C-alpha atoms as a PDB file:
ATOM      1  CA  UNK A   1      88.073  89.543  88.188  1.00  0.00           C
ATOM      2  CA  UNK A   2      89.695  86.482  86.608  1.00  0.00           C
ATOM      3  CA  UNK A   3      93.445  86.966  86.307  1.00  0.00           C
ATOM      4  CA  UNK A   4      94.862  85.154  83.268  1.00  0.00           C
ATOM      5  CA  UNK A   5      97.396  87.663  81.922  1.00  0.00           C
ATOM      6  CA  UNK A   6      99.788  89.588  84.164  1.00  0.00           C
ATOM      7  CA  UNK A   7     102.285  92.287  83.237  1.00  0.00           C
ATOM      8  CA  UNK A   8     105.347  92.861  85.416  1.00  0.00           C
ATOM      9  CA  UNK A   9     107.192  96.161  85.734  1.00  0.00           C
ATOM     10  CA  UNK A  10     110.246  96.594  87.929  1.00  0.00           C
ATOM     11  CA  UNK A  11     112.819  99.099  89.121  1.00  0.00           C
ATOM     12  CA  UNK A  12     115.543  99.133  86.479  1.00  0.00           C
ATOM     13  CA  UNK A  13     118.549  99.869  88.702  1.00  0.00           C
ATOM     14  CA  UNK A  14     118.043  97.666  91.760  1.00  0.00           C
ATOM     15  CA  UNK A  15     119.714  94.210  91.563  1.00  0.00           C
ATOM     16  CA  UNK A  16     117.380  92.884  94.280  1.00  0.00           C
ATOM     17  CA  UNK A  17     114.445  93.481  91.962  1.00  0.00           C
ATOM     18  CA  UNK A  18     115.596  90.717  89.600  1.00  0.00           C
ATOM     19  CA  UNK A  19     115.469  88.158  92.418  1.00  0.00           C
ATOM     20  CA  UNK A  20     111.948  89.185  93.389  1.00  0.00           C
ATOM     21  CA  UNK A  21     110.763  89.301  89.772  1.00  0.00           C
ATOM     22  CA  UNK A  22     111.948  85.701  89.324  1.00  0.00           C
ATOM     23  CA  UNK A  23     109.914  84.676  92.392  1.00  0.00           C
ATOM     24  CA  UNK A  24     106.833  86.481  91.082  1.00  0.00           C
ATOM     25  CA  UNK A  25     107.158  84.881  87.641  1.00  0.00           C
ATOM     26  CA  UNK A  26     107.545  81.398  89.162  1.00  0.00           C
ATOM     27  CA  UNK A  27     104.309  81.774  91.120  1.00  0.00           C
ATOM     28  CA  UNK A  28     102.418  83.018  88.064  1.00  0.00           C
ATOM     29  CA  UNK A  29     103.766  80.415  85.628  1.00  0.00           C
ATOM     30  CA  UNK A  30     102.987  77.594  88.084  1.00  0.00           C
ATOM     31  CA  UNK A  31      99.384  78.813  88.075  1.00  0.00           C
ATOM     32  CA  UNK A  32      99.205  78.822  84.282  1.00  0.00           C
ATOM     33  CA  UNK A  33      99.160  82.609  84.013  1.00  0.00           C
ATOM     34  CA  UNK A  34     100.460  84.285  80.860  1.00  0.00           C
ATOM     35  CA  UNK A  35     103.229  86.723  81.859  1.00  0.00           C
ATOM     36  CA  UNK A  36     104.313  89.894  80.033  1.00  0.00           C
ATOM     37  CA  UNK A  37     107.579  91.669  80.907  1.00  0.00           C
ATOM     38  CA  UNK A  38     108.574  95.189  79.902  1.00  0.00           C
ATOM     39  CA  UNK A  39     111.322  94.523  77.368  1.00  0.00           C
ATOM     40  CA  UNK A  40     113.199  97.701  78.364  1.00  0.00           C
ATOM     41  CA  UNK A  41     113.912  96.283  81.828  1.00  0.00           C
ATOM     42  CA  UNK A  42     117.577  95.156  82.019  1.00  0.00           C
ATOM     43  CA  UNK A  43     116.568  92.110  84.092  1.00  0.00           C
ATOM     44  CA  UNK A  44     114.014  90.876  81.546  1.00  0.00           C
ATOM     45  CA  UNK A  45     116.466  88.477  79.868  1.00  0.00           C
ATOM     46  CA  UNK A  46     116.927  86.611  83.170  1.00  0.00           C
ATOM     47  CA  UNK A  47     113.280  85.565  83.231  1.00  0.00           C
ATOM     48  CA  UNK A  48     112.053  82.364  81.578  1.00  0.00           C
ATOM     49  CA  UNK A  49     108.697  81.439  80.043  1.00  0.00           C
ATOM     50  CA  UNK A  50     107.661  85.084  79.703  1.00  0.00           C
ATOM     51  CA  UNK A  51     106.770  87.349  76.776  1.00  0.00           C
ATOM     52  CA  UNK A  52     108.890  90.481  76.277  1.00  0.00           C
ATOM     53  CA  UNK A  53     106.638  93.335  75.121  1.00  0.00           C
ATOM     54  CA  UNK A  54     106.367  97.109  75.205  1.00  0.00           C
ATOM     55  CA  UNK A  55     104.753  99.080  78.003  1.00  0.00           C
ATOM     56  CA  UNK A  56     101.698  99.877  75.862  1.00  0.00           C
ATOM     57  CA  UNK A  57     101.202  96.168  75.122  1.00  0.00           C
ATOM     58  CA  UNK A  58     101.128  95.507  78.858  1.00  0.00           C
ATOM     59  CA  UNK A  59      98.497  98.205  79.344  1.00  0.00           C
ATOM     60  CA  UNK A  60      96.348  96.835  76.540  1.00  0.00           C
ATOM     61  CA  UNK A  61      96.582  93.106  77.293  1.00  0.00           C
ATOM     62  CA  UNK A  62      97.172  92.541  81.002  1.00  0.00           C
ATOM     63  CA  UNK A  63      94.419  91.810  83.535  1.00  0.00           C
ATOM     64  CA  UNK A  64      96.778  92.914  86.293  1.00  0.00           C
ATOM     65  CA  UNK A  65     100.141  94.696  86.501  1.00  0.00           C
ATOM     66  CA  UNK A  66     102.534  93.743  89.290  1.00  0.00           C
ATOM     67  CA  UNK A  67     105.085  96.449  90.077  1.00  0.00           C
ATOM     68  CA  UNK A  68     108.307  95.350  91.792  1.00  0.00           C
ATOM     69  CA  UNK A  69     110.190  98.211  93.431  1.00  0.00           C
ATOM     70  CA  UNK A  70     109.482 101.105  95.738  1.00  0.00           C
ATOM     71  CA  UNK A  71     106.681 103.656  95.781  1.00  0.00           C
ATOM     72  CA  UNK A  72     108.538 105.697  93.155  1.00  0.00           C
ATOM     73  CA  UNK A  73     108.486 102.767  90.752  1.00  0.00           C
ATOM     74  CA  UNK A  74     104.738 102.406  91.192  1.00  0.00           C
ATOM     75  CA  UNK A  75     104.228 106.155  90.723  1.00  0.00           C
ATOM     76  CA  UNK A  76     106.097 106.053  87.424  1.00  0.00           C
ATOM     77  CA  UNK A  77     104.229 102.939  86.313  1.00  0.00           C
ATOM     78  CA  UNK A  78     100.882 104.532  87.181  1.00  0.00           C
ATOM     79  CA  UNK A  79     101.643 107.539  84.981  1.00  0.00           C
ATOM     80  CA  UNK A  80     102.800 105.358  82.086  1.00  0.00           C
ATOM     81  CA  UNK A  81      99.643 103.246  82.245  1.00  0.00           C
ATOM     82  CA  UNK A  82      97.224 105.994  83.273  1.00  0.00           C
ATOM     83  CA  UNK A  83      95.308 105.760  80.003  1.00  0.00           C
ATOM     84  CA  UNK A  84      94.640 102.021  80.436  1.00  0.00           C
ATOM     85  CA  UNK A  85      92.066 100.547  82.785  1.00  0.00           C
ATOM     86  CA  UNK A  86      94.442  98.019  84.336  1.00  0.00           C
ATOM     87  CA  UNK A  87      94.745  97.419  88.111  1.00  0.00           C
ATOM     88  CA  UNK A  88      98.132  97.405  89.862  1.00  0.00           C
ATOM     89  CA  UNK A  89      99.663  95.420  92.692  1.00  0.00           C
ATOM     90  CA  UNK A  90     102.887  96.522  94.372  1.00  0.00           C
ATOM     91  CA  UNK A  91     105.706  94.319  95.697  1.00  0.00           C
ATOM     92  CA  UNK A  92     107.978  96.416  97.892  1.00  0.00           C
ATOM     93  CA  UNK A  93     111.682  96.591  97.140  1.00  0.00           C
ATOM     94  CA  UNK A  94     112.000 100.170  98.317  1.00  0.00           C
ATOM     95  CA  UNK A  95     112.101 101.932 101.667  1.00  0.00           C
ATOM     96  CA  UNK A  96     108.669 103.113 102.806  1.00  0.00           C
ATOM     97  CA  UNK A  97     106.174 101.019 100.885  1.00  0.00           C
ATOM     98  CA  UNK A  98     102.993 103.067 101.304  1.00  0.00           C
ATOM     99  CA  UNK A  99     101.801 101.829  97.906  1.00  0.00           C
ATOM    100  CA  UNK A 100     103.831  98.638  97.411  1.00  0.00           C
ATOM    101  CA  UNK A 101     102.500  96.651 100.330  1.00  0.00           C
ATOM    102  CA  UNK A 102     103.614  93.040  99.642  1.00  0.00           C
ATOM    103  CA  UNK A 103     107.001  92.216 101.164  1.00  0.00           C
ATOM    104  CA  UNK A 104     109.351  89.945  99.160  1.00  0.00           C
ATOM    105  CA  UNK A 105     109.260  87.160 101.761  1.00  0.00           C
ATOM    106  CA  UNK A 106     105.489  86.832 101.288  1.00  0.00           C
ATOM    107  CA  UNK A 107     105.360  86.913  97.482  1.00  0.00           C
ATOM    108  CA  UNK A 108     104.201  83.316  96.999  1.00  0.00           C
ATOM    109  CA  UNK A 109     101.356  83.167  99.556  1.00  0.00           C
ATOM    110  CA  UNK A 110     100.216  86.737  98.857  1.00  0.00           C
ATOM    111  CA  UNK A 111     100.049  86.390  95.075  1.00  0.00           C
ATOM    112  CA  UNK A 112      98.483  82.936  95.371  1.00  0.00           C
ATOM    113  CA  UNK A 113      95.667  84.347  97.515  1.00  0.00           C
ATOM    114  CA  UNK A 114      95.157  87.199  95.056  1.00  0.00           C
ATOM    115  CA  UNK A 115      94.977  84.775  92.103  1.00  0.00           C
ATOM    116  CA  UNK A 116      92.355  82.849  94.108  1.00  0.00           C
ATOM    117  CA  UNK A 117      90.290  86.036  94.340  1.00  0.00           C
ATOM    118  CA  UNK A 118      91.145  86.945  97.935  1.00  0.00           C
ATOM    119  CA  UNK A 119      91.869  90.665  97.572  1.00  0.00           C
ATOM    120  CA  UNK A 120      90.127  93.988  97.517  1.00  0.00           C
ATOM    121  CA  UNK A 121      90.241  96.851  95.061  1.00  0.00           C
ATOM    122  CA  UNK A 122      90.834 100.492  95.910  1.00  0.00           C
ATOM    123  CA  UNK A 123      90.334 103.461  93.600  1.00  0.00           C
ATOM    124  CA  UNK A 124      92.912 106.258  93.616  1.00  0.00           C
ATOM    125  CA  UNK A 125      92.637 109.324  91.414  1.00  0.00           C
ATOM    126  CA  UNK A 126      95.462 111.076  89.598  1.00  0.00           C
ATOM    127  CA  UNK A 127      95.950 114.756  88.871  1.00  0.00           C
ATOM    128  CA  UNK A 128      96.314 116.059  85.333  1.00  0.00           C
ATOM    129  CA  UNK A 129      98.649 119.059  84.968  1.00  0.00           C
ATOM    130  CA  UNK A 130      98.861 121.134  81.783  1.00  0.00           C
ATOM    131  CA  UNK A 131     101.165 124.125  81.270  1.00  0.00           C
ATOM    132  CA  UNK A 132     100.042 126.841  78.841  1.00  0.00           C
ATOM    133  CA  UNK A 133     102.053 129.698  77.310  1.00  0.00           C
ATOM    134  CA  UNK A 134     100.095 132.373  75.466  1.00  0.00           C
ATOM    135  CA  UNK A 135      97.187 129.935  75.256  1.00  0.00           C
ATOM    136  CA  UNK A 136      99.274 127.140  73.726  1.00  0.00           C
ATOM    137  CA  UNK A 137      99.855 123.850  75.555  1.00  0.00           C
ATOM    138  CA  UNK A 138     103.547 123.469  76.397  1.00  0.00           C
ATOM    139  CA  UNK A 139     103.582 120.367  78.605  1.00  0.00           C
ATOM    140  CA  UNK A 140     101.218 117.829  80.119  1.00  0.00           C
ATOM    141  CA  UNK A 141     101.645 115.078  82.681  1.00  0.00           C
ATOM    142  CA  UNK A 142      99.711 113.106  85.259  1.00  0.00           C
ATOM    143  CA  UNK A 143     100.577 112.699  88.932  1.00  0.00           C
ATOM    144  CA  UNK A 144      99.463 110.081  91.431  1.00  0.00           C
ATOM    145  CA  UNK A 145     101.144 111.814  94.375  1.00  0.00           C
ATOM    146  CA  UNK A 146     101.503 115.514  93.690  1.00  0.00           C
ATOM    147  CA  UNK A 147     102.039 118.406  91.326  1.00  0.00           C
ATOM    148  CA  UNK A 148     104.620 120.836  92.700  1.00  0.00           C
ATOM    149  CA  UNK A 149     105.419 124.383  91.601  1.00  0.00           C
ATOM    150  CA  UNK A 150     108.911 125.298  92.849  1.00  0.00           C
ATOM    151  CA  UNK A 151     111.856 127.595  92.050  1.00  0.00           C
ATOM    152  CA  UNK A 152     114.028 124.834  90.585  1.00  0.00           C
ATOM    153  CA  UNK A 153     117.697 125.275  91.465  1.00  0.00           C
ATOM    154  CA  UNK A 154     117.259 128.859  92.601  1.00  0.00           C
ATOM    155  CA  UNK A 155     116.630 129.786  96.246  1.00  0.00           C
ATOM    156  CA  UNK A 156     114.549 132.834  95.325  1.00  0.00           C
ATOM    157  CA  UNK A 157     110.900 133.050  96.301  1.00  0.00           C
ATOM    158  CA  UNK A 158     108.411 132.922  93.471  1.00  0.00           C
ATOM    159  CA  UNK A 159     105.159 134.805  93.021  1.00  0.00           C
ATOM    160  CA  UNK A 160     101.949 133.467  91.538  1.00  0.00           C
ATOM    161  CA  UNK A 161      98.167 133.729  91.668  1.00  0.00           C
ATOM    162  CA  UNK A 162      95.772 130.864  92.396  1.00  0.00           C
ATOM    163  CA  UNK A 163      92.235 130.466  91.049  1.00  0.00           C
ATOM    164  CA  UNK A 164      89.821 127.634  91.887  1.00  0.00           C
ATOM    165  CA  UNK A 165      86.933 126.998  89.484  1.00  0.00           C
ATOM    166  CA  UNK A 166      87.435 130.486  88.094  1.00  0.00           C
ATOM    167  CA  UNK A 167      87.379 132.185  91.515  1.00  0.00           C
ATOM    168  CA  UNK A 168      90.432 134.131  92.655  1.00  0.00           C
ATOM    169  CA  UNK A 169      91.829 132.604  95.879  1.00  0.00           C
ATOM    170  CA  UNK A 170      95.069 134.482  96.605  1.00  0.00           C
ATOM    171  CA  UNK A 171      98.367 135.743  95.326  1.00  0.00           C
ATOM    172  CA  UNK A 172     101.366 134.288  97.077  1.00  0.00           C
ATOM    173  CA  UNK A 173     105.083 134.837  97.575  1.00  0.00           C
ATOM    174  CA  UNK A 174     106.668 131.567  98.644  1.00  0.00           C
ATOM    175  CA  UNK A 175     109.030 128.773  97.707  1.00  0.00           C
ATOM    176  CA  UNK A 176     106.183 127.203  95.800  1.00  0.00           C
ATOM    177  CA  UNK A 177     102.966 125.225  96.101  1.00  0.00           C
ATOM    178  CA  UNK A 178     102.231 121.509  96.504  1.00  0.00           C
ATOM    179  CA  UNK A 179      98.992 120.092  95.104  1.00  0.00           C
ATOM    180  CA  UNK A 180      98.656 116.622  96.621  1.00  0.00           C
ATOM    181  CA  UNK A 181      96.137 113.829  96.181  1.00  0.00           C
ATOM    182  CA  UNK A 182      95.113 111.665  99.157  1.00  0.00           C
ATOM    183  CA  UNK A 183      97.760 109.218  97.929  1.00  0.00           C
ATOM    184  CA  UNK A 184     100.382 111.978  97.998  1.00  0.00           C
ATOM    185  CA  UNK A 185      99.285 113.355 101.356  1.00  0.00           C
ATOM    186  CA  UNK A 186     101.702 110.934 103.050  1.00  0.00           C
ATOM    187  CA  UNK A 187     104.630 112.110 100.891  1.00  0.00           C
ATOM    188  CA  UNK A 188     106.090 115.572 100.165  1.00  0.00           C
ATOM    189  CA  UNK A 189     102.912 117.294 101.330  1.00  0.00           C
ATOM    190  CA  UNK A 190     103.258 115.702 104.769  1.00  0.00           C
ATOM    191  CA  UNK A 191     106.843 116.955 105.104  1.00  0.00           C
ATOM    192  CA  UNK A 192     105.643 120.474 104.248  1.00  0.00           C
ATOM    193  CA  UNK A 193     103.035 120.429 107.022  1.00  0.00           C
ATOM    194  CA  UNK A 194     100.028 119.273 105.029  1.00  0.00           C
ATOM    195  CA  UNK A 195      97.260 117.079 106.489  1.00  0.00           C
ATOM    196  CA  UNK A 196      96.827 113.366 105.886  1.00  0.00           C
ATOM    197  CA  UNK A 197      93.867 112.572 103.642  1.00  0.00           C
ATOM    198  CA  UNK A 198      92.238 109.164 103.755  1.00  0.00           C
ATOM    199  CA  UNK A 199      92.607 107.457 100.349  1.00  0.00           C
ATOM    200  CA  UNK A 200      88.819 107.198  99.968  1.00  0.00           C
ATOM    201  CA  UNK A 201      88.350 110.987  99.946  1.00  0.00           C
ATOM    202  CA  UNK A 202      87.587 112.715  96.662  1.00  0.00           C
ATOM    203  CA  UNK A 203      89.645 115.779  97.516  1.00  0.00           C
ATOM    204  CA  UNK A 204      93.144 117.160  97.263  1.00  0.00           C
ATOM    205  CA  UNK A 205      95.180 119.599  99.277  1.00  0.00           C
ATOM    206  CA  UNK A 206      97.022 122.842  98.449  1.00  0.00           C
ATOM    207  CA  UNK A 207     100.100 123.223 100.643  1.00  0.00           C
ATOM    208  CA  UNK A 208     102.160 126.453 100.450  1.00  0.00           C
ATOM    209  CA  UNK A 209     105.918 125.949 100.722  1.00  0.00           C
ATOM    210  CA  UNK A 210     107.453 128.429 103.191  1.00  0.00           C
ATOM    211  CA  UNK A 211     104.972 131.232 102.384  1.00  0.00           C
ATOM    212  CA  UNK A 212     105.876 134.835 103.164  1.00  0.00           C
ATOM    213  CA  UNK A 213     102.795 135.258 105.310  1.00  0.00           C
ATOM    214  CA  UNK A 214     101.695 133.606 108.554  1.00  0.00           C
ATOM    215  CA  UNK A 215      98.093 133.207 107.421  1.00  0.00           C
ATOM    216  CA  UNK A 216      98.856 131.040 104.380  1.00  0.00           C
ATOM    217  CA  UNK A 217      97.782 127.554 105.417  1.00  0.00           C
ATOM    218  CA  UNK A 218      96.974 124.291 103.622  1.00  0.00           C
ATOM    219  CA  UNK A 219      93.536 124.169 102.004  1.00  0.00           C
ATOM    220  CA  UNK A 220      91.607 120.981 101.186  1.00  0.00           C
ATOM    221  CA  UNK A 221      89.462 121.380  98.077  1.00  0.00           C
ATOM    222  CA  UNK A 222      86.964 119.073  96.326  1.00  0.00           C
ATOM    223  CA  UNK A 223      88.459 116.574  93.901  1.00  0.00           C
ATOM    224  CA  UNK A 224      86.254 118.006  91.148  1.00  0.00           C
ATOM    225  CA  UNK A 225      87.962 121.421  91.388  1.00  0.00           C
ATOM    226  CA  UNK A 226      89.991 122.951  88.578  1.00  0.00           C
ATOM    227  CA  UNK A 227      92.996 124.964  89.727  1.00  0.00           C
ATOM    228  CA  UNK A 228      94.606 127.668  87.634  1.00  0.00           C
ATOM    229  CA  UNK A 229      97.982 128.997  88.719  1.00  0.00           C
ATOM    230  CA  UNK A 230      99.305 132.097  86.972  1.00  0.00           C
ATOM    231  CA  UNK A 231     103.051 132.707  87.156  1.00  0.00           C
ATOM    232  CA  UNK A 232     103.675 136.386  87.967  1.00  0.00           C
ATOM    233  CA  UNK A 233     105.277 138.334  85.125  1.00  0.00           C
ATOM    234  CA  UNK A 234     107.867 140.006  87.372  1.00  0.00           C
ATOM    235  CA  UNK A 235     109.449 136.791  88.703  1.00  0.00           C
ATOM    236  CA  UNK A 236     113.240 136.931  88.582  1.00  0.00           C
ATOM    237  CA  UNK A 237     113.504 133.195  88.122  1.00  0.00           C
ATOM    238  CA  UNK A 238     111.812 130.526  86.017  1.00  0.00           C
ATOM    239  CA  UNK A 239     109.768 128.261  88.313  1.00  0.00           C
ATOM    240  CA  UNK A 240     109.439 124.583  87.462  1.00  0.00           C
ATOM    241  CA  UNK A 241     106.484 122.210  87.598  1.00  0.00           C
ATOM    242  CA  UNK A 242     107.197 118.671  88.788  1.00  0.00           C
ATOM    243  CA  UNK A 243     104.797 115.720  88.789  1.00  0.00           C
ATOM    244  CA  UNK A 244     105.550 112.984  91.329  1.00  0.00           C
ATOM    245  CA  UNK A 245     109.132 114.253  91.469  1.00  0.00           C
ATOM    246  CA  UNK A 246     109.752 112.548  88.116  1.00  0.00           C
ATOM    247  CA  UNK A 247     108.239 114.634  85.293  1.00  0.00           C
ATOM    248  CA  UNK A 248     109.466 118.207  84.914  1.00  0.00           C
ATOM    249  CA  UNK A 249     108.634 121.356  82.928  1.00  0.00           C
ATOM    250  CA  UNK A 250     110.064 124.877  83.104  1.00  0.00           C
ATOM    251  CA  UNK A 251     107.729 127.870  83.207  1.00  0.00           C
ATOM    252  CA  UNK A 252     108.110 131.456  82.074  1.00  0.00           C
ATOM    253  CA  UNK A 253     106.511 134.605  83.501  1.00  0.00           C
ATOM    254  CA  UNK A 254     102.867 134.768  82.499  1.00  0.00           C
ATOM    255  CA  UNK A 255     102.453 131.020  82.010  1.00  0.00           C
ATOM    256  CA  UNK A 256      99.323 129.313  83.317  1.00  0.00           C
ATOM    257  CA  UNK A 257      99.221 125.907  84.987  1.00  0.00           C
ATOM    258  CA  UNK A 258      95.873 124.081  84.944  1.00  0.00           C
ATOM    259  CA  UNK A 259      95.514 121.195  87.401  1.00  0.00           C
ATOM    260  CA  UNK A 260      92.454 118.989  87.676  1.00  0.00           C
ATOM    261  CA  UNK A 261      91.491 115.392  88.324  1.00  0.00           C
ATOM    262  CA  UNK A 262      92.559 112.974  85.597  1.00  0.00           C
ATOM    263  CA  UNK A 263      89.677 111.351  83.761  1.00  0.00           C
ATOM    264  CA  UNK A 264      90.644 107.739  84.600  1.00  0.00           C
ATOM    265  CA  UNK A 265      91.269 106.456  88.140  1.00  0.00           C
ATOM    266  CA  UNK A 266      93.943 103.973  89.160  1.00  0.00           C
ATOM    267  CA  UNK A 267      92.797 100.688  90.686  1.00  0.00           C
ATOM    268  CA  UNK A 268      95.135  99.288  93.330  1.00  0.00           C
ATOM    269  CA  UNK A 269      94.892  95.647  94.377  1.00  0.00           C
ATOM    270  CA  UNK A 270      95.549  94.947  98.065  1.00  0.00           C
ATOM    271  CA  UNK A 271      95.696  91.828 100.234  1.00  0.00           C
ATOM    272  CA  UNK A 272      92.568  91.468 102.368  1.00  0.00           C
ATOM    273  CA  UNK A 273      94.485  92.470 105.536  1.00  0.00           C
ATOM    274  CA  UNK A 274      95.513  95.852 104.076  1.00  0.00           C
ATOM    275  CA  UNK A 275      94.702  98.714 106.478  1.00  0.00           C
ATOM    276  CA  UNK A 276      95.512 102.400 105.937  1.00  0.00           C
ATOM    277  CA  UNK A 277      95.822 103.218 109.628  1.00  0.00           C
ATOM    278  CA  UNK A 278      98.082 100.240 110.319  1.00  0.00           C
ATOM    279  CA  UNK A 279     100.336 101.377 107.463  1.00  0.00           C
ATOM    280  CA  UNK A 280     100.492 104.880 108.943  1.00  0.00           C
ATOM    281  CA  UNK A 281     101.429 103.453 112.347  1.00  0.00           C
ATOM    282  CA  UNK A 282     104.162 101.333 110.782  1.00  0.00           C
ATOM    283  CA  UNK A 283     105.605 103.854 108.305  1.00  0.00           C
ATOM    284  CA  UNK A 284     105.194 107.061 110.310  1.00  0.00           C
ATOM    285  CA  UNK A 285     106.112 105.700 113.716  1.00  0.00           C
ATOM    286  CA  UNK A 286     102.768 106.302 115.409  1.00  0.00           C
ATOM    287  CA  UNK A 287     102.344 104.888 118.898  1.00  0.00           C
ATOM    288  CA  UNK A 288     100.956 101.396 119.430  1.00  0.00           C
ATOM    289  CA  UNK A 289      97.977 100.651 121.680  1.00  0.00           C
ATOM    290  CA  UNK A 290      98.480 101.132 125.395  1.00  0.00           C
ATOM    291  CA  UNK A 291      98.866  97.931 127.405  1.00  0.00           C
END
């Protein structure tokens, strides 16, 4: 892939992002790359020799999108650009950095190597969640990490039924259900006791949240599955559906939530030394090799 046009998205409320965005722009401009900046970013006016455009223009015109921020910034950017076939590269200005794997101190050499073609591409799939009420679509969103059904601000348990590809799986009383992609298996799902899924797997995991039953355990299902969750009509609360912790919708008793794989995958660009297991060791505190 020849990279001639690059869009840059950044966290809008982190002053350190502006400094890193300036460094990224300098590297790109010095290489003769045309640079697009999201005009809604408050730091955009500090950048020189760039074109201020809308987010859709970036999706339509860029060969690559560089996201400056934490994993949450990349998650939001992935949802905004899900409909466009544009690869993403993350520069970490957050805490964990599972997805944004270039550190600010290595911006110049890392981006230079990528512009020279020294990188590899990785496909990640998103989930598509649609909420229906009496057969009418109420809300729709994509999720790179997870779709979560939860009680909202209430501490009451919620009740629902789960179907996979039309087959009844179980009814459940719990604090909710996490549907996580391999990308999201290192996030909320992990904290709830779910398994880690290698990013190359075409599968996602269903993780019950504090189920009222000792036999309710996480289930890994094929990525081609369609899940239907029916909100029980006798719930005393109104559960919410959250995508990546950023997009929200309130349900009512009897609503149906359909979750399936989104039609377009996300392409992530990584430096050639990127390694999933090394990242897990670093971010999750796994033990190093014995001496």
